[in-house]
PDB file of N, CA and C in Angstrom:
ATOM      1  N   MET A   1     -31.780 -36.150  31.451  1.00  0.00           N
ATOM      2  CA  MET A   1     -31.179 -35.558  30.296  1.00  0.00           C
ATOM      3  C   MET A   1     -32.014 -34.336  29.908  1.00  0.00           C
ATOM      4  N   LYS A   2     -31.306 -33.243  29.603  1.00  0.00           N
ATOM      5  CA  LYS A   2     -31.994 -32.005  29.274  1.00  0.00           C
ATOM      6  C   LYS A   2     -31.887 -31.754  27.779  1.00  0.00           C
ATOM      7  N   PHE A   3     -32.980 -31.449  27.153  1.00  0.00           N
ATOM      8  CA  PHE A   3     -32.989 -31.091  25.745  1.00  0.00           C
ATOM      9  C   PHE A   3     -32.970 -29.576  25.630  1.00  0.00           C
ATOM     10  N   CYS A   4     -32.243 -29.105  24.629  1.00  0.00           N
ATOM     11  CA  CYS A   4     -32.084 -27.654  24.461  1.00  0.00           C
ATOM     12  C   CYS A   4     -33.105 -27.113  23.482  1.00  0.00           C
ATOM     13  N   ASP A   5     -33.652 -25.986  23.821  1.00  0.00           N
ATOM     14  CA  ASP A   5     -34.487 -25.265  22.875  1.00  0.00           C
ATOM     15  C   ASP A   5     -33.581 -24.529  21.907  1.00  0.00           C
ATOM     16  N   ALA A   6     -34.121 -24.053  20.823  1.00  0.00           N
ATOM     17  CA  ALA A   6     -33.340 -23.295  19.843  1.00  0.00           C
ATOM     18  C   ALA A   6     -32.783 -22.051  20.509  1.00  0.00           C
ATOM     19  N   GLY A   7     -31.497 -21.854  20.384  1.00  0.00           N
ATOM     20  CA  GLY A   7     -30.865 -20.664  20.941  1.00  0.00           C
ATOM     21  C   GLY A   7     -30.331 -20.854  22.340  1.00  0.00           C
ATOM     22  N   GLU A   8     -30.536 -21.988  22.961  1.00  0.00           N
ATOM     23  CA  GLU A   8     -30.011 -22.228  24.299  1.00  0.00           C
ATOM     24  C   GLU A   8     -28.862 -23.216  24.221  1.00  0.00           C
ATOM     25  N   SER A   9     -27.925 -23.090  25.147  1.00  0.00           N
ATOM     26  CA  SER A   9     -26.839 -24.059  25.212  1.00  0.00           C
ATOM     27  C   SER A   9     -27.190 -25.107  26.250  1.00  0.00           C
ATOM     28  N   SER A  10     -26.480 -26.210  26.265  1.00  0.00           N
ATOM     29  CA  SER A  10     -26.755 -27.271  27.230  1.00  0.00           C
ATOM     30  C   SER A  10     -26.381 -26.845  28.642  1.00  0.00           C
ATOM     31  N   LEU A  11     -25.539 -25.826  28.747  1.00  0.00           N
ATOM     32  CA  LEU A  11     -25.156 -25.315  30.065  1.00  0.00           C
ATOM     33  C   LEU A  11     -26.113 -24.240  30.551  1.00  0.00           C
ATOM     34  N   GLY A  12     -27.053 -23.901  29.740  1.00  0.00           N
ATOM     35  CA  GLY A  12     -28.002 -22.857  30.107  1.00  0.00           C
ATOM     36  C   GLY A  12     -27.584 -21.540  29.498  1.00  0.00           C
ATOM     37  N   GLY A  13     -28.472 -20.683  29.345  1.00  0.00           N
ATOM     38  CA  GLY A  13     -28.156 -19.387  28.771  1.00  0.00           C
ATOM     39  C   GLY A  13     -28.451 -19.354  27.285  1.00  0.00           C
ATOM     40  N   ASN A  14     -28.300 -18.202  26.728  1.00  0.00           N
ATOM     41  CA  ASN A  14     -28.646 -17.979  25.331  1.00  0.00           C
ATOM     42  C   ASN A  14     -27.357 -17.936  24.518  1.00  0.00           C
ATOM     43  N   SER A  15     -27.276 -18.648  23.415  1.00  0.00           N
ATOM     44  CA  SER A  15     -26.062 -18.666  22.599  1.00  0.00           C
ATOM     45  C   SER A  15     -26.143 -17.702  21.423  1.00  0.00           C
ATOM     46  N   PHE A  16     -27.278 -17.025  21.260  1.00  0.00           N
ATOM     47  CA  PHE A  16     -27.375 -16.057  20.178  1.00  0.00           C
ATOM     48  C   PHE A  16     -26.536 -14.840  20.504  1.00  0.00           C
ATOM     49  N   VAL A  17     -25.972 -14.254  19.475  1.00  0.00           N
ATOM     50  CA  VAL A  17     -25.191 -13.033  19.647  1.00  0.00           C
ATOM     51  C   VAL A  17     -26.162 -11.889  19.875  1.00  0.00           C
ATOM     52  N   LYS A  18     -25.851 -11.089  20.854  1.00  0.00           N
ATOM     53  CA  LYS A  18     -26.719  -9.956  21.140  1.00  0.00           C
ATOM     54  C   LYS A  18     -26.618  -8.955  20.001  1.00  0.00           C
ATOM     55  N   PRO A  19     -27.706  -8.369  19.614  1.00  0.00           N
ATOM     56  CA  PRO A  19     -27.651  -7.385  18.524  1.00  0.00           C
ATOM     57  C   PRO A  19     -26.864  -6.156  18.961  1.00  0.00           C
ATOM     58  N   LYS A  20     -26.068  -5.641  18.030  1.00  0.00           N
ATOM     59  CA  LYS A  20     -25.285  -4.443  18.315  1.00  0.00           C
ATOM     60  C   LYS A  20     -26.148  -3.217  18.135  1.00  0.00           C
ATOM     61  N   SER A  21     -25.649  -2.116  18.645  1.00  0.00           N
ATOM     62  CA  SER A  21     -26.381  -0.876  18.466  1.00  0.00           C
ATOM     63  C   SER A  21     -26.360  -0.487  16.986  1.00  0.00           C
ATOM     64  N   ASP A  22     -27.245   0.384  16.611  1.00  0.00           N
ATOM     65  CA  ASP A  22     -27.349   0.830  15.219  1.00  0.00           C
ATOM     66  C   ASP A  22     -26.057   1.508  14.771  1.00  0.00           C
ATOM     67  N   MET A  23     -25.430   2.275  15.664  1.00  0.00           N
ATOM     68  CA  MET A  23     -24.180   2.971  15.329  1.00  0.00           C
ATOM     69  C   MET A  23     -23.045   1.967  15.114  1.00  0.00           C
ATOM     70  N   GLY A  24     -23.003   0.908  15.890  1.00  0.00           N
ATOM     71  CA  GLY A  24     -21.971  -0.113  15.744  1.00  0.00           C
ATOM     72  C   GLY A  24     -22.075  -0.822  14.405  1.00  0.00           C
ATOM     73  N   VAL A  25     -23.287  -1.080  13.969  1.00  0.00           N
ATOM     74  CA  VAL A  25     -23.511  -1.739  12.681  1.00  0.00           C
ATOM     75  C   VAL A  25     -23.077  -0.812  11.554  1.00  0.00           C
ATOM     76  N   LYS A  26     -23.430   0.471  11.653  1.00  0.00           N
ATOM     77  CA  LYS A  26     -23.042   1.419  10.617  1.00  0.00           C
ATOM     78  C   LYS A  26     -21.529   1.544  10.537  1.00  0.00           C
ATOM     79  N   LEU A  27     -20.870   1.558  11.687  1.00  0.00           N
ATOM     80  CA  LEU A  27     -19.408   1.648  11.717  1.00  0.00           C
ATOM     81  C   LEU A  27     -18.782   0.421  11.076  1.00  0.00           C
ATOM     82  N   GLU A  28     -19.319  -0.746  11.367  1.00  0.00           N
ATOM     83  CA  GLU A  28     -18.783  -1.976  10.774  1.00  0.00           C
ATOM     84  C   GLU A  28     -18.989  -2.005   9.265  1.00  0.00           C
ATOM     85  N   VAL A  29     -20.127  -1.534   8.810  1.00  0.00           N
ATOM     86  CA  VAL A  29     -20.391  -1.483   7.365  1.00  0.00           C
ATOM     87  C   VAL A  29     -19.427  -0.502   6.703  1.00  0.00           C
ATOM     88  N   PHE A  30     -19.206   0.643   7.335  1.00  0.00           N
ATOM     89  CA  PHE A  30     -18.257   1.619   6.797  1.00  0.00           C
ATOM     90  C   PHE A  30     -16.853   1.034   6.723  1.00  0.00           C
ATOM     91  N   ARG A  31     -16.410   0.387   7.797  1.00  0.00           N
ATOM     92  CA  ARG A  31     -15.070  -0.201   7.813  1.00  0.00           C
ATOM     93  C   ARG A  31     -14.937  -1.288   6.754  1.00  0.00           C
ATOM     94  N   MET A  32     -15.946  -2.113   6.616  1.00  0.00           N
ATOM     95  CA  MET A  32     -15.899  -3.186   5.619  1.00  0.00           C
ATOM     96  C   MET A  32     -15.830  -2.605   4.215  1.00  0.00           C
ATOM     97  N   SER A  33     -16.623  -1.578   3.949  1.00  0.00           N
ATOM     98  CA  SER A  33     -16.584  -0.971   2.618  1.00  0.00           C
ATOM     99  C   SER A  33     -15.241  -0.302   2.361  1.00  0.00           C
ATOM    100  N   LEU A  34     -14.668   0.311   3.382  1.00  0.00           N
ATOM    101  CA  LEU A  34     -13.348   0.927   3.233  1.00  0.00           C
ATOM    102  C   LEU A  34     -12.288  -0.141   2.960  1.00  0.00           C
ATOM    103  N   TYR A  35     -12.323  -1.231   3.702  1.00  0.00           N
ATOM    104  CA  TYR A  35     -11.360  -2.317   3.498  1.00  0.00           C
ATOM    105  C   TYR A  35     -11.464  -2.917   2.098  1.00  0.00           C
ATOM    106  N   LEU A  36     -12.651  -2.931   1.538  1.00  0.00           N
ATOM    107  CA  LEU A  36     -12.836  -3.521   0.216  1.00  0.00           C
ATOM    108  C   LEU A  36     -12.530  -2.539  -0.910  1.00  0.00           C
ATOM    109  N   THR A  37     -12.887  -1.272  -0.734  1.00  0.00           N
ATOM    110  CA  THR A  37     -12.716  -0.325  -1.832  1.00  0.00           C
ATOM    111  C   THR A  37     -11.307   0.238  -1.933  1.00  0.00           C
ATOM    112  N   PHE A  38     -10.603   0.408  -0.823  1.00  0.00           N
ATOM    113  CA  PHE A  38      -9.276   1.015  -0.874  1.00  0.00           C
ATOM    114  C   PHE A  38      -8.318   0.240  -1.774  1.00  0.00           C
ATOM    115  N   PRO A  39      -8.148  -1.076  -1.611  1.00  0.00           N
ATOM    116  CA  PRO A  39      -7.218  -1.784  -2.506  1.00  0.00           C
ATOM    117  C   PRO A  39      -7.663  -1.766  -3.970  1.00  0.00           C
ATOM    118  N   VAL A  40      -8.960  -1.833  -4.201  1.00  0.00           N
ATOM    119  CA  VAL A  40      -9.462  -1.816  -5.573  1.00  0.00           C
ATOM    120  C   VAL A  40      -9.159  -0.477  -6.228  1.00  0.00           C
ATOM    121  N   VAL A  41      -9.403   0.615  -5.515  1.00  0.00           N
ATOM    122  CA  VAL A  41      -9.137   1.948  -6.053  1.00  0.00           C
ATOM    123  C   VAL A  41      -7.643   2.147  -6.297  1.00  0.00           C
ATOM    124  N   MET A  42      -6.809   1.728  -5.362  1.00  0.00           N
ATOM    125  CA  MET A  42      -5.364   1.878  -5.533  1.00  0.00           C
ATOM    126  C   MET A  42      -4.871   1.054  -6.726  1.00  0.00           C
ATOM    127  N   PHE A  43      -5.393  -0.138  -6.899  1.00  0.00           N
ATOM    128  CA  PHE A  43      -5.025  -0.959  -8.041  1.00  0.00           C
ATOM    129  C   PHE A  43      -5.442  -0.281  -9.339  1.00  0.00           C
ATOM    130  N   TRP A  44      -6.646   0.268  -9.361  1.00  0.00           N
ATOM    131  CA  TRP A  44      -7.147   0.938 -10.560  1.00  0.00           C
ATOM    132  C   TRP A  44      -6.293   2.161 -10.895  1.00  0.00           C
ATOM    133  N   ILE A  45      -5.955   2.969  -9.894  1.00  0.00           N
ATOM    134  CA  ILE A  45      -5.146   4.171 -10.124  1.00  0.00           C
ATOM    135  C   ILE A  45      -3.759   3.804 -10.625  1.00  0.00           C
ATOM    136  N   SER A  46      -3.138   2.831  -9.991  1.00  0.00           N
ATOM    137  CA  SER A  46      -1.768   2.487 -10.363  1.00  0.00           C
ATOM    138  C   SER A  46      -1.673   1.824 -11.730  1.00  0.00           C
ATOM    139  N   ASN A  47      -2.776   1.312 -12.243  1.00  0.00           N
ATOM    140  CA  ASN A  47      -2.758   0.671 -13.557  1.00  0.00           C
ATOM    141  C   ASN A  47      -3.211   1.582 -14.684  1.00  0.00           C
ATOM    142  N   GLN A  48      -3.347   2.848 -14.414  1.00  0.00           N
ATOM    143  CA  GLN A  48      -3.674   3.803 -15.460  1.00  0.00           C
ATOM    144  C   GLN A  48      -2.399   4.104 -16.246  1.00  0.00           C
ATOM    145  N   ALA A  49      -2.417   3.874 -17.543  1.00  0.00           N
ATOM    146  CA  ALA A  49      -1.229   4.059 -18.381  1.00  0.00           C
ATOM    147  C   ALA A  49      -0.746   5.496 -18.351  1.00  0.00           C
ATOM    148  N   GLU A  50      -1.656   6.428 -18.331  1.00  0.00           N
ATOM    149  CA  GLU A  50      -1.313   7.844 -18.281  1.00  0.00           C
ATOM    150  C   GLU A  50      -0.530   8.172 -17.016  1.00  0.00           C
ATOM    151  N   TRP A  51      -1.043   7.702 -15.890  1.00  0.00           N
ATOM    152  CA  TRP A  51      -0.391   7.936 -14.604  1.00  0.00           C
ATOM    153  C   TRP A  51       0.992   7.301 -14.593  1.00  0.00           C
ATOM    154  N   PHE A  52       1.087   6.080 -15.097  1.00  0.00           N
ATOM    155  CA  PHE A  52       2.357   5.372 -15.113  1.00  0.00           C
ATOM    156  C   PHE A  52       3.388   6.149 -15.925  1.00  0.00           C
ATOM    157  N   GLU A  53       2.982   6.632 -17.081  1.00  0.00           N
ATOM    158  CA  GLU A  53       3.898   7.392 -17.939  1.00  0.00           C
ATOM    159  C   GLU A  53       4.331   8.684 -17.267  1.00  0.00           C
ATOM    160  N   ASP A  54       3.377   9.400 -16.714  1.00  0.00           N
ATOM    161  CA  ASP A  54       3.683  10.703 -16.128  1.00  0.00           C
ATOM    162  C   ASP A  54       4.590  10.610 -14.910  1.00  0.00           C
ATOM    163  N   TYR A  55       4.300   9.716 -14.025  1.00  0.00           N
ATOM    164  CA  TYR A  55       4.996   9.702 -12.750  1.00  0.00           C
ATOM    165  C   TYR A  55       6.168   8.723 -12.695  1.00  0.00           C
ATOM    166  N   VAL A  56       5.953   7.510 -13.108  1.00  0.00           N
ATOM    167  CA  VAL A  56       6.986   6.491 -12.939  1.00  0.00           C
ATOM    168  C   VAL A  56       8.083   6.615 -13.989  1.00  0.00           C
ATOM    169  N   VAL A  57       7.712   6.638 -15.261  1.00  0.00           N
ATOM    170  CA  VAL A  57       8.708   6.647 -16.333  1.00  0.00           C
ATOM    171  C   VAL A  57       9.523   7.935 -16.303  1.00  0.00           C
ATOM    172  N   GLN A  58       8.856   9.065 -16.162  1.00  0.00           N
ATOM    173  CA  GLN A  58       9.593  10.337 -16.129  1.00  0.00           C
ATOM    174  C   GLN A  58      10.512  10.419 -14.928  1.00  0.00           C
ATOM    175  N   ARG A  59      10.066   9.926 -13.780  1.00  0.00           N
ATOM    176  CA  ARG A  59      10.918   9.944 -12.586  1.00  0.00           C
ATOM    177  C   ARG A  59      12.150   9.063 -12.788  1.00  0.00           C
ATOM    178  N   LYS A  60      11.966   7.900 -13.376  1.00  0.00           N
ATOM    179  CA  LYS A  60      13.097   7.004 -13.637  1.00  0.00           C
ATOM    180  C   LYS A  60      14.064   7.627 -14.632  1.00  0.00           C
ATOM    181  N   ARG A  61      13.550   8.298 -15.647  1.00  0.00           N
ATOM    182  CA  ARG A  61      14.438   8.964 -16.610  1.00  0.00           C
ATOM    183  C   ARG A  61      15.252  10.055 -15.925  1.00  0.00           C
ATOM    184  N   GLN A  62      14.609  10.794 -15.047  1.00  0.00           N
ATOM    185  CA  GLN A  62      15.306  11.862 -14.323  1.00  0.00           C
ATOM    186  C   GLN A  62      16.383  11.264 -13.416  1.00  0.00           C
ATOM    187  N   GLU A  63      16.066  10.190 -12.720  1.00  0.00           N
ATOM    188  CA  GLU A  63      17.058   9.539 -11.860  1.00  0.00           C
ATOM    189  C   GLU A  63      18.223   9.018 -12.684  1.00  0.00           C
ATOM    190  N   LEU A  64      17.949   8.484 -13.875  1.00  0.00           N
ATOM    191  CA  LEU A  64      19.009   7.980 -14.740  1.00  0.00           C
ATOM    192  C   LEU A  64      19.928   9.114 -15.195  1.00  0.00           C
ATOM    193  N   GLU A  65      19.350  10.258 -15.560  1.00  0.00           N
ATOM    194  CA  GLU A  65      20.160  11.411 -15.963  1.00  0.00           C
ATOM    195  C   GLU A  65      21.029  11.903 -14.812  1.00  0.00           C
ATOM    196  N   GLU A  66      20.473  11.951 -13.607  1.00  0.00           N
ATOM    197  CA  GLU A  66      21.255  12.367 -12.444  1.00  0.00           C
ATOM    198  C   GLU A  66      22.400  11.393 -12.182  1.00  0.00           C
ATOM    199  N   PHE A  67      22.132  10.096 -12.357  1.00  0.00           N
ATOM    200  CA  PHE A  67      23.172   9.092 -12.164  1.00  0.00           C
ATOM    201  C   PHE A  67      24.281   9.250 -13.204  1.00  0.00           C
ATOM    202  N   LYS A  68      23.901   9.503 -14.464  1.00  0.00           N
ATOM    203  CA  LYS A  68      24.899   9.713 -15.522  1.00  0.00           C
ATOM    204  C   LYS A  68      25.776  10.921 -15.212  1.00  0.00           C
ATOM    205  N   GLN A  69      25.166  12.010 -14.737  1.00  0.00           N
ATOM    206  CA  GLN A  69      25.940  13.205 -14.391  1.00  0.00           C
ATOM    207  C   GLN A  69      26.905  12.920 -13.248  1.00  0.00           C
ATOM    208  N   LYS A  70      26.449  12.150 -12.278  1.00  0.00           N
ATOM    209  CA  LYS A  70      27.312  11.802 -11.146  1.00  0.00           C
ATOM    210  C   LYS A  70      28.506  10.974 -11.612  1.00  0.00           C
ATOM    211  N   ILE A  71      28.290  10.022 -12.494  1.00  0.00           N
ATOM    212  CA  ILE A  71      29.372   9.178 -13.021  1.00  0.00           C
ATOM    213  C   ILE A  71      30.347  10.029 -13.844  1.00  0.00           C
ATOM    214  N   ARG A  72      29.821  10.939 -14.673  1.00  0.00           N
ATOM    215  CA  ARG A  72      30.695  11.824 -15.460  1.00  0.00           C
ATOM    216  C   ARG A  72      31.572  12.673 -14.542  1.00  0.00           C
ATOM    217  N   LYS A  73      30.970  13.200 -13.490  1.00  0.00           N
ATOM    218  CA  LYS A  73      31.719  14.038 -12.553  1.00  0.00           C
ATOM    219  C   LYS A  73      32.823  13.229 -11.872  1.00  0.00           C
ATOM    220  N   GLN A  74      32.513  12.012 -11.442  1.00  0.00           N
ATOM    221  CA  GLN A  74      33.527  11.161 -10.814  1.00  0.00           C
ATOM    222  C   GLN A  74      34.643  10.831 -11.803  1.00  0.00           C
ATOM    223  N   ARG A  75      34.301  10.537 -13.054  1.00  0.00           N
ATOM    224  CA  ARG A  75      35.299  10.218 -14.069  1.00  0.00           C
ATOM    225  C   ARG A  75      36.209  11.417 -14.322  1.00  0.00           C
ATOM    226  N   GLU A  76      35.606  12.609 -14.426  1.00  0.00           N
ATOM    227  CA  GLU A  76      36.409  13.822 -14.640  1.00  0.00           C
ATOM    228  C   GLU A  76      37.343  14.079 -13.466  1.00  0.00           C
ATOM    229  N   GLU A  77      36.861  13.850 -12.233  1.00  0.00           N
ATOM    230  CA  GLU A  77      37.712  14.046 -11.059  1.00  0.00           C
ATOM    231  C   GLU A  77      38.877  13.063 -11.060  1.00  0.00           C
ATOM    232  N   ARG A  78      38.625  11.807 -11.437  1.00  0.00           N
ATOM    233  CA  ARG A  78      39.709  10.816 -11.496  1.00  0.00           C
ATOM    234  C   ARG A  78      40.732  11.186 -12.563  1.00  0.00           C
ATOM    235  N   LEU A  79      40.235  11.624 -13.734  1.00  0.00           N
ATOM    236  CA  LEU A  79      41.159  12.031 -14.795  1.00  0.00           C
ATOM    237  C   LEU A  79      41.983  13.244 -14.367  1.00  0.00           C
ATOM    238  N   LEU A  80      41.348  14.181 -13.679  1.00  0.00           N
ATOM    239  CA  LEU A  80      42.052  15.368 -13.200  1.00  0.00           C
ATOM    240  C   LEU A  80      43.116  14.986 -12.173  1.00  0.00           C
ATOM    241  N   GLN A  81      42.774  14.096 -11.244  1.00  0.00           N
ATOM    242  CA  GLN A  81      43.753  13.637 -10.257  1.00  0.00           C
ATOM    243  C   GLN A  81      44.909  12.892 -10.917  1.00  0.00           C
ATOM    244  N   ALA A  82      44.595  12.059 -11.905  1.00  0.00           N
ATOM    245  CA  ALA A  82      45.647  11.317 -12.607  1.00  0.00           C
ATOM    246  C   ALA A  82      46.555  12.284 -13.362  1.00  0.00           C
ATOM    247  N   ALA A  83      45.967  13.325 -13.961  1.00  0.00           N
ATOM    248  CA  ALA A  83      46.774  14.304 -14.692  1.00  0.00           C
ATOM    249  C   ALA A  83      47.647  15.105 -13.724  1.00  0.00           C
ATOM    250  N   GLN A  84      47.143  15.426 -12.566  1.00  0.00           N
ATOM    251  CA  GLN A  84      47.922  16.175 -11.576  1.00  0.00           C
ATOM    252  C   GLN A  84      49.061  15.340 -11.014  1.00  0.00           C
ATOM    253  N   GLN A  85      48.835  14.043 -10.814  1.00  0.00           N
ATOM    254  CA  GLN A  85      49.863  13.155 -10.260  1.00  0.00           C
ATOM    255  C   GLN A  85      50.963  12.892 -11.299  1.00  0.00           C
ATOM    256  N   SER A  86      50.611  12.817 -12.571  1.00  0.00           N
ATOM    257  CA  SER A  86      51.609  12.523 -13.605  1.00  0.00           C
ATOM    258  C   SER A  86      52.454  13.741 -13.950  1.00  0.00           C
ATOM    259  N   SER A  87      51.986  14.953 -13.648  1.00  0.00           N
ATOM    260  CA  SER A  87      52.773  16.127 -13.995  1.00  0.00           C
ATOM    261  C   SER A  87      53.682  16.572 -12.883  1.00  0.00           C
TER     262      SER A  87
END
């Protein structure tokens, strides 16, 4: 029966993970920080009341006005067609 030293497997060899290069570690730290900060920053930006008022509410009001104009135009066209057919 073979006893294993620390870091060796029973099949032989070393089970420790080989250290990565310095550049690989820096890249992983950068990626991890990006993955963590991006959602936090986006959440913070989107929850700013000023931003919400300026961009979302005004855009919705503009879309509503455009929709009202489109409905008025369709109604006027139907009334015009009905008036032309009845005369």
